Amino acid sequence: MDALGADLAASLREDAAAWDARGELPAEVRLAVARAGLLAAELPRAHGGLGASPAQLGELCARLGGVCSSLRGLVTVQSMVAAALLRWGTAEQRGRWLPALARGELLAAFAATETEAGSDLAAVATAVEGHGEHGEHGDELTVTGEKRWITFGEIADVFLVLGVSGTSDGRPAAVLVEGDRPGVVREPVRGQLGMRAAQLAHVTFDRVRVPRANAVAPPGFGLSHVAAGALDHGRFTVAWGCVGMAEACLHEAAGHAVRRSQGGVALAEHQQVRSLLARAVVDSRAARELCLRAARLRAAGDPDAIAETVAAKYAAAAAASSVAGGAVQVLGASGCAPDSAVGRFYRDAKIMEIIEGSAQVSELHIADHLLRSHGHRQTVRRPRGAARGQGDPR
């Protein structure tokens, strides 16, 4: 599995610009990813996965990220939901959902973000009535709320929804909602800055009734455990996807600099171009090293792995943005063409600085981890979600 997904990524590279222009990841592509066992590759084989290590999952996301961020996003959201169920689902839930997610029989989406709940996920208002008690429908829960910017929300078969219990204490709750249930309404999003093939949607849950067995973890665990675990997994895969973007942009920029001449002199001979490429090399390699460190800590079960993942995602997103911006500069007009991979990555990189923890929220979390190691106790008020290392999910 050392080259997990390499052949598939290579075979799809030339098609990615068309997906971006069309605003859709074709069904046959999703099927190809599923057939290759890549949708939840890190799941244990007993649950239908490949048992991929964190490093193998990371390299897979780098390969896919170097082709198309939406393609990597497909693996990210599927893995986020699968990881949450593996850790916090019941034996019955794991047996029912995980093999179907691993085989791609079901496509998943993580529905957390709301208009007033982005970086502060503790502010979600979606109500999960009947959670923790016998509701008006006995063995059913009722989910009501509006979620925004949901990756693959347009086509997802099942949503992992973050809400609050309808009881008086309003504790965070997580529940699985099948996409074909009455009351699930999808509003496709088009023309966003980046990840244009990720079939984003705003999703409304209008008193959607689901079995009580669809609740994931007890009331009160929805944010601190279920959502936190999913988002941690998402940050890890996003970080590696950014490494893939940065490395792909560096490859394109260096090749163009060697082939292209200006005033009879190859671009590669211009000092400013060389300086730009040198910075890109350092940024992309540094991001990769941080991602590898996060992978090692995750494999070892080290408690510092969560904080290291935040740092890796922060650095990798910044590297993707910086390297893509420099590559566009080197390529000039060709880097701005509609079918330019570098131009597409330039747009996607900005999105990566926002999702699964914005750069600013990540800075707070990274500083917290450092200062706590020196005995500092938190006194500055900031978003409750940010205090747990959360950010804007997709």
Protein backbone atom coordinates (compact mmCIF):
# COMPACT_ATOMS: atom_id res chain seq x y z
CA MET A 1 0.00 0.00 0.00
CA ASP A 2 3.02 2.32 -0.11
CA ALA A 3 1.80 3.83 -3.39
CA LEU A 4 -1.86 3.83 -2.39
CA GLY A 5 -3.91 5.59 -5.06
CA ALA A 6 -0.91 6.52 -7.22
CA ASP A 7 -2.13 4.85 -10.41
CA LEU A 8 -5.66 6.19 -10.01
CA ALA A 9 -4.42 9.73 -9.36
CA ALA A 10 -2.21 9.62 -12.46
CA SER A 11 -5.07 8.35 -14.62
CA LEU A 12 -7.40 11.17 -13.53
CA ARG A 13 -5.03 14.13 -13.67
CA GLU A 14 -6.01 15.34 -17.15
CA ASP A 15 -9.74 15.33 -16.34
CA ALA A 16 -9.69 17.51 -13.22
CA ALA A 17 -10.05 20.85 -15.03
CA ALA A 18 -13.28 19.64 -16.65
CA TRP A 19 -14.71 18.63 -13.27
CA ASP A 20 -13.94 22.09 -11.92
CA ALA A 21 -15.58 23.79 -14.90
CA ARG A 22 -18.64 21.55 -14.70
CA GLY A 23 -18.95 21.85 -10.92
CA GLU A 24 -19.28 18.11 -10.48
CA LEU A 25 -17.20 15.07 -9.64
CA PRO A 26 -18.54 12.47 -12.11
CA ALA A 27 -20.23 9.37 -10.74
CA GLU A 28 -17.76 7.12 -12.58
CA VAL A 29 -14.88 8.84 -10.80
CA ARG A 30 -16.49 8.35 -7.41
CA LEU A 31 -17.05 4.72 -8.33
CA ALA A 32 -13.41 4.30 -9.36
CA VAL A 33 -12.24 5.67 -6.02
CA ALA A 34 -14.59 3.29 -4.20
CA ARG A 35 -13.50 0.26 -6.25
CA ALA A 36 -9.88 1.03 -5.40
CA GLY A 37 -10.80 0.87 -1.69
CA LEU A 38 -9.76 4.48 -1.11
CA LEU A 39 -12.91 6.02 0.38
CA ALA A 40 -12.15 4.87 3.92
CA ALA A 41 -8.79 3.19 3.47
CA GLU A 42 -7.77 3.68 7.10
CA LEU A 43 -10.65 1.60 8.46
CA PRO A 44 -9.62 -1.80 9.83
CA ARG A 45 -10.10 -4.67 7.40
CA ALA A 46 -12.75 -6.10 9.71
CA HIS A 47 -14.91 -3.08 8.83
CA GLY A 48 -14.17 -3.16 5.09
CA GLY A 49 -11.17 -0.83 4.95
CA LEU A 50 -7.57 -1.46 3.96
CA GLY A 51 -6.08 -0.86 7.39
CA ALA A 52 -3.96 1.99 6.03
CA SER A 53 -1.60 3.68 8.49
CA PRO A 54 -1.81 7.44 9.10
CA ALA A 55 1.23 7.95 6.85
CA GLN A 56 -0.32 5.88 4.06
CA LEU A 57 -3.60 7.78 4.35
CA GLY A 58 -1.65 11.03 4.27
CA GLU A 59 0.28 10.11 1.15
CA LEU A 60 -2.98 9.06 -0.52
CA CYS A 61 -4.49 12.48 0.21
CA ALA A 62 -1.35 14.20 -1.07
CA ARG A 63 -1.59 12.28 -4.34
CA LEU A 64 -5.28 13.04 -4.74
CA GLY A 65 -4.80 16.65 -3.57
CA GLY A 66 -2.16 17.09 -6.26
CA VAL A 67 -4.83 16.21 -8.83
CA CYS A 68 -8.00 17.86 -7.51
CA SER A 69 -9.00 19.21 -4.10
CA SER A 70 -12.57 18.03 -4.61
CA LEU A 71 -11.31 14.50 -5.25
CA ARG A 72 -9.32 14.65 -2.02
CA GLY A 73 -12.39 16.19 -0.35
CA LEU A 74 -14.42 13.11 -1.25
CA VAL A 75 -11.99 10.95 0.70
CA THR A 76 -11.85 13.48 3.52
CA VAL A 77 -15.57 13.66 4.27
CA GLN A 78 -16.06 9.90 3.90
CA SER A 79 -13.16 9.31 6.28
CA MET A 80 -14.37 11.94 8.77
CA VAL A 81 -17.72 10.22 9.19
CA ALA A 82 -16.18 6.74 9.19
CA ALA A 83 -13.60 7.74 11.83
CA ALA A 84 -16.30 9.22 14.07
CA LEU A 85 -18.39 6.06 13.85
CA LEU A 86 -15.40 3.79 14.40
CA ARG A 87 -14.53 5.66 17.61
CA TRP A 88 -17.94 6.61 18.97
CA GLY A 89 -20.53 4.47 17.20
CA THR A 90 -22.20 1.45 18.74
CA ALA A 91 -21.32 -2.05 17.56
CA GLU A 92 -24.60 -2.07 15.64
CA GLN A 93 -23.80 1.26 13.95
CA ARG A 94 -20.30 0.14 13.02
CA GLY A 95 -21.63 -3.08 11.54
CA ARG A 96 -24.34 -1.32 9.57
CA TRP A 97 -22.58 1.78 8.29
CA LEU A 98 -18.82 1.22 8.09
CA PRO A 99 -18.66 -1.53 5.43
CA ALA A 100 -21.09 0.44 3.24
CA LEU A 101 -18.98 3.59 3.61
CA ALA A 102 -15.77 1.70 2.87
CA ARG A 103 -17.24 0.14 -0.28
CA GLY A 104 -18.72 3.41 -1.46
CA GLU A 105 -22.25 2.05 -1.39
CA LEU A 106 -23.08 5.11 0.69
CA LEU A 107 -21.54 8.56 0.38
CA ALA A 108 -21.31 10.54 3.61
CA ALA A 109 -21.26 14.22 4.50
CA PHE A 110 -20.46 16.01 7.74
CA ALA A 111 -23.16 18.58 8.50
CA ALA A 112 -21.95 20.95 11.21
CA THR A 113 -21.58 24.50 9.88
CA GLU A 114 -24.48 26.93 10.24
CA THR A 115 -24.91 30.63 9.51
CA GLU A 116 -24.06 31.49 13.13
CA ALA A 117 -21.86 28.49 13.83
CA GLY A 118 -18.63 28.35 11.86
CA SER A 119 -15.54 28.65 14.03
CA ASP A 120 -17.77 28.43 17.11
CA LEU A 121 -19.48 25.08 16.66
CA ALA A 122 -20.83 25.28 20.20
CA ALA A 123 -23.30 27.82 18.77
CA VAL A 124 -25.10 25.31 16.53
CA ALA A 125 -28.89 25.66 16.71
CA THR A 126 -30.05 22.52 14.89
CA ALA A 127 -32.42 20.74 17.28
CA VAL A 128 -32.37 17.01 17.85
CA GLU A 129 -35.61 16.46 19.72
CA GLY A 130 -36.14 13.33 21.75
CA HIS A 131 -32.40 12.75 22.23
CA GLY A 132 -31.84 11.14 25.60
CA GLU A 133 -35.52 10.70 26.38
CA HIS A 134 -38.63 9.20 24.85
CA GLY A 135 -39.77 11.87 22.40
CA GLU A 136 -43.15 12.48 20.88
CA HIS A 137 -42.55 9.66 18.38
CA GLY A 138 -41.32 7.10 20.90
CA ASP A 139 -38.29 5.45 19.35
CA GLU A 140 -37.63 8.27 16.88
CA LEU A 141 -35.67 11.50 16.93
CA THR A 142 -36.67 14.67 15.09
CA VAL A 143 -33.96 16.81 13.48
CA THR A 144 -34.66 20.45 12.59
CA GLY A 145 -32.16 23.01 11.36
CA GLU A 146 -30.17 24.47 8.47
CA LYS A 147 -26.61 23.52 7.60
CA ARG A 148 -24.41 25.43 5.18
CA TRP A 149 -21.43 24.75 2.90
CA ILE A 150 -21.68 20.97 3.21
CA THR A 151 -19.12 19.20 1.05
CA PHE A 152 -20.88 16.70 -1.23
CA GLY A 153 -24.10 17.69 0.47
CA GLU A 154 -25.78 17.72 -2.93
CA ILE A 155 -25.41 13.95 -3.36
CA ALA A 156 -24.68 12.51 0.11
CA ASP A 157 -26.60 9.39 1.10
CA VAL A 158 -26.14 10.02 4.81
CA PHE A 159 -25.30 13.08 6.91
CA LEU A 160 -23.55 13.10 10.28
CA VAL A 161 -25.40 16.06 11.79
CA LEU A 162 -24.18 18.11 14.74
CA GLY A 163 -26.99 19.65 16.76
CA VAL A 164 -28.23 20.22 20.28
CA SER A 165 -30.50 17.99 22.29
CA GLY A 166 -34.11 19.12 22.42
CA THR A 167 -34.13 18.62 26.17
CA SER A 168 -33.91 21.62 28.48
CA ASP A 169 -30.14 21.35 28.91
CA GLY A 170 -29.47 21.65 25.17
CA ARG A 171 -26.44 19.40 25.21
CA PRO A 172 -24.50 18.83 21.94
CA ALA A 173 -25.82 15.87 19.98
CA ALA A 174 -24.73 13.97 16.88
CA VAL A 175 -27.07 11.94 14.72
CA LEU A 176 -27.00 10.15 11.37
CA VAL A 177 -29.66 11.33 8.92
CA GLU A 178 -30.27 9.46 5.69
CA GLY A 179 -30.47 11.82 2.73
CA ASP A 180 -33.68 10.34 1.31
CA ARG A 181 -35.79 10.93 4.41
CA PRO A 182 -38.78 13.30 4.09
CA GLY A 183 -37.82 16.81 5.16
CA VAL A 184 -34.24 16.77 3.84
CA VAL A 185 -33.95 19.66 1.37
CA ARG A 186 -30.75 20.43 -0.56
CA GLU A 187 -29.80 23.73 -2.17
CA PRO A 188 -26.76 23.21 -4.43
CA VAL A 189 -24.00 25.83 -4.22
CA ARG A 190 -22.34 26.94 -7.45
CA GLY A 191 -19.53 29.31 -8.41
CA GLN A 192 -17.73 29.36 -5.05
CA LEU A 193 -14.06 30.37 -4.98
CA GLY A 194 -12.62 26.87 -4.82
CA MET A 195 -13.44 23.16 -4.59
CA ARG A 196 -15.97 23.72 -7.34
CA ALA A 197 -16.39 20.02 -8.11
CA ALA A 198 -17.16 19.12 -4.49
CA GLN A 199 -20.92 19.53 -5.03
CA LEU A 200 -21.43 21.70 -1.97
CA ALA A 201 -24.94 22.33 -0.75
CA HIS A 202 -26.87 24.13 1.93
CA VAL A 203 -29.02 21.46 3.56
CA THR A 204 -32.24 22.01 5.50
CA PHE A 205 -33.61 19.39 7.89
CA ASP A 206 -37.31 20.13 8.29
CA ARG A 207 -38.49 18.01 11.22
CA VAL A 208 -36.78 14.96 9.80
CA ARG A 209 -37.61 11.81 11.74
CA VAL A 210 -34.90 9.19 12.18
CA PRO A 211 -34.63 6.07 14.37
CA ARG A 212 -33.29 6.65 17.86
CA ALA A 213 -30.59 4.12 16.93
CA ASN A 214 -29.12 6.78 14.60
CA ALA A 215 -27.90 8.84 17.56
CA VAL A 216 -24.10 8.71 17.80
CA ALA A 217 -22.78 8.75 21.40
CA PRO A 218 -24.77 9.96 24.42
CA PRO A 219 -26.16 13.52 24.71
CA GLY A 220 -23.36 15.95 25.55
CA PHE A 221 -20.72 14.09 23.51
CA GLY A 222 -21.72 15.46 20.11
CA LEU A 223 -19.20 18.32 19.99
CA SER A 224 -16.39 17.37 22.35
CA HIS A 225 -16.13 13.79 21.13
CA VAL A 226 -17.93 12.99 17.87
CA ALA A 227 -17.44 16.30 16.01
CA ALA A 228 -13.99 16.88 17.51
CA GLY A 229 -12.81 13.47 16.33
CA ALA A 230 -14.23 13.98 12.85
CA LEU A 231 -12.65 17.42 12.52
CA ASP A 232 -9.27 16.18 13.74
CA HIS A 233 -9.39 13.52 11.04
CA GLY A 234 -10.43 16.14 8.51
CA ARG A 235 -7.55 18.45 9.39
CA PHE A 236 -5.08 15.63 8.93
CA THR A 237 -6.30 14.77 5.42
CA VAL A 238 -6.64 18.44 4.42
CA ALA A 239 -3.05 19.06 5.55
CA TRP A 240 -1.75 16.26 3.35
CA GLY A 241 -3.93 17.42 0.46
CA CYS A 242 -2.30 20.83 0.75
CA VAL A 243 1.13 19.22 0.59
CA GLY A 244 0.04 17.56 -2.65
CA MET A 245 -1.15 20.87 -4.06
CA ALA A 246 2.07 22.65 -3.13
CA GLU A 247 4.23 19.93 -4.65
CA ALA A 248 2.16 19.84 -7.85
CA CYS A 249 2.43 23.63 -8.23
CA LEU A 250 6.17 23.54 -7.61
CA HIS A 251 6.55 20.86 -10.29
CA GLU A 252 4.61 22.93 -12.81
CA ALA A 253 6.48 26.15 -11.99
CA ALA A 254 9.92 24.55 -12.23
CA GLY A 255 9.10 22.86 -15.53
CA HIS A 256 7.77 26.10 -16.99
CA ALA A 257 10.84 28.02 -15.81
CA VAL A 258 13.11 25.58 -17.67
CA ARG A 259 11.06 25.58 -20.89
CA ARG A 260 10.10 29.27 -21.11
CA SER A 261 12.39 32.09 -22.19
CA GLN A 262 12.09 35.83 -21.70
CA GLY A 263 14.26 38.17 -23.74
CA GLY A 264 16.22 35.22 -25.00
CA VAL A 265 17.01 34.05 -21.48
CA ALA A 266 15.36 31.05 -19.82
CA LEU A 267 13.16 31.99 -16.88
CA ALA A 268 15.20 29.53 -14.85
CA GLU A 269 18.19 31.88 -15.19
CA HIS A 270 16.38 34.86 -13.66
CA GLN A 271 17.45 35.44 -10.07
CA GLN A 272 13.96 36.43 -8.92
CA VAL A 273 12.46 33.27 -10.38
CA ARG A 274 15.11 31.17 -8.67
CA SER A 275 14.42 32.89 -5.36
CA LEU A 276 10.72 32.27 -5.71
CA LEU A 277 11.29 28.59 -6.52
CA ALA A 278 13.70 28.22 -3.60
CA ARG A 279 11.10 29.56 -1.16
CA ALA A 280 8.53 27.20 -2.65
CA VAL A 281 10.84 24.22 -2.16
CA VAL A 282 11.40 25.09 1.50
CA ASP A 283 7.73 25.79 2.20
CA SER A 284 6.50 22.56 0.62
CA ARG A 285 9.18 20.40 2.24
CA ALA A 286 8.60 21.96 5.67
CA ALA A 287 4.86 21.29 5.36
CA ARG A 288 5.53 17.69 4.40
CA GLU A 289 7.81 17.19 7.40
CA LEU A 290 5.17 18.54 9.78
CA CYS A 291 2.57 16.23 8.21
CA LEU A 292 4.91 13.26 8.60
CA ARG A 293 5.47 14.16 12.23
CA ALA A 294 1.72 14.32 12.80
CA ALA A 295 1.35 10.92 11.11
CA ARG A 296 4.00 9.38 13.36
CA LEU A 297 2.36 10.74 16.51
CA ARG A 298 -1.07 9.53 15.38
CA ALA A 299 0.31 6.04 14.68
CA ALA A 300 1.83 5.96 18.15
CA GLY A 301 -1.36 7.16 19.84
CA ASP A 302 0.50 10.15 21.26
CA PRO A 303 -1.84 12.71 22.90
CA ASP A 304 0.14 15.50 21.24
CA ALA A 305 -0.99 14.23 17.84
CA ILE A 306 -4.08 16.46 17.82
CA ALA A 307 -2.08 19.65 18.42
CA GLU A 308 0.57 18.54 15.92
CA THR A 309 -2.15 17.96 13.33
CA VAL A 310 -3.42 21.51 13.82
CA ALA A 311 0.11 22.82 13.29
CA ALA A 312 0.59 20.64 10.21
CA LYS A 313 -2.69 21.79 8.68
CA TYR A 314 -1.85 25.44 9.40
CA ALA A 315 1.60 25.17 7.81
CA ALA A 316 0.47 23.08 4.86
CA ALA A 317 -2.42 25.38 3.98
CA ALA A 318 -0.09 28.39 4.15
CA ALA A 319 2.44 26.54 1.99
CA ALA A 320 -0.19 25.62 -0.59
CA SER A 321 -1.32 29.24 -0.80
CA SER A 322 2.22 30.64 -1.03
CA VAL A 323 3.54 28.08 -3.51
CA ALA A 324 0.44 28.26 -5.71
CA GLY A 325 0.64 32.05 -5.74
CA GLY A 326 4.29 31.94 -6.74
CA ALA A 327 3.61 29.35 -9.42
CA VAL A 328 0.90 31.51 -10.97
CA GLN A 329 3.42 34.35 -11.06
CA VAL A 330 5.99 32.19 -12.82
CA LEU A 331 3.50 30.80 -15.34
CA GLY A 332 2.03 34.22 -16.04
CA ALA A 333 -0.98 34.23 -18.36
CA SER A 334 -0.93 30.44 -18.78
CA GLY A 335 -1.31 30.07 -15.03
CA CYS A 336 -4.53 32.08 -15.21
CA ALA A 337 -6.07 30.04 -18.04
CA PRO A 338 -9.39 28.29 -17.31
CA ASP A 339 -7.80 24.85 -17.63
CA SER A 340 -4.70 25.67 -15.57
CA ALA A 341 -4.15 23.28 -12.66
CA VAL A 342 -2.00 25.90 -10.95
CA GLY A 343 -4.75 28.52 -11.22
CA ARG A 344 -7.26 26.04 -9.81
CA PHE A 345 -4.95 25.19 -6.91
CA TYR A 346 -4.45 28.91 -6.28
CA ARG A 347 -8.20 29.25 -5.70
CA ASP A 348 -8.47 26.01 -3.73
CA ALA A 349 -5.56 26.94 -1.46
CA LYS A 350 -7.45 29.91 -0.05
CA ILE A 351 -10.33 27.60 0.85
CA MET A 352 -7.88 25.33 2.64
CA GLU A 353 -6.86 28.22 4.90
CA ILE A 354 -10.47 28.38 6.10
CA ILE A 355 -11.92 24.89 6.37
CA GLU A 356 -11.37 22.46 9.26
CA GLY A 357 -9.96 25.33 11.32
CA SER A 358 -9.25 28.77 9.90
CA ALA A 359 -5.69 30.07 10.07
CA GLN A 360 -6.60 32.45 12.90
CA VAL A 361 -8.32 29.77 14.99
CA SER A 362 -5.39 27.43 14.38
CA GLU A 363 -2.96 30.08 15.63
CA LEU A 364 -4.90 30.31 18.90
CA HIS A 365 -4.82 26.56 19.35
CA ILE A 366 -1.10 26.28 18.52
CA ALA A 367 -0.24 29.07 20.97
CA ASP A 368 -2.41 27.47 23.65
CA HIS A 369 -0.59 24.18 23.33
CA LEU A 370 2.80 25.88 23.62
CA LEU A 371 1.85 28.06 26.58
CA ARG A 372 0.17 25.22 28.48
CA SER A 373 3.42 23.28 28.22
CA HIS A 374 4.99 26.18 30.14
CA GLY A 375 2.32 26.15 32.83
CA HIS A 376 0.12 28.96 31.47
CA ARG A 377 -3.59 28.78 32.20
CA GLN A 378 -6.05 30.10 29.58
CA THR A 379 -7.55 33.50 30.45
CA VAL A 380 -8.33 35.04 27.04
CA ARG A 381 -11.91 34.58 25.90
CA ARG A 382 -12.34 33.18 22.42
CA PRO A 383 -14.89 31.10 20.53
CA ARG A 384 -15.88 27.98 22.44
CA GLY A 385 -15.31 25.83 19.41
CA ALA A 386 -11.84 27.31 19.00
CA ALA A 387 -11.01 26.44 22.60
CA ARG A 388 -11.42 22.80 21.61
CA GLY A 389 -9.36 23.21 18.50
CA GLN A 390 -12.40 23.40 16.23
CA GLY A 391 -12.86 25.45 13.12
CA ASP A 392 -15.06 25.94 10.11
CA PRO A 393 -15.92 22.47 8.84
CA ARG A 394 -17.09 21.62 5.38
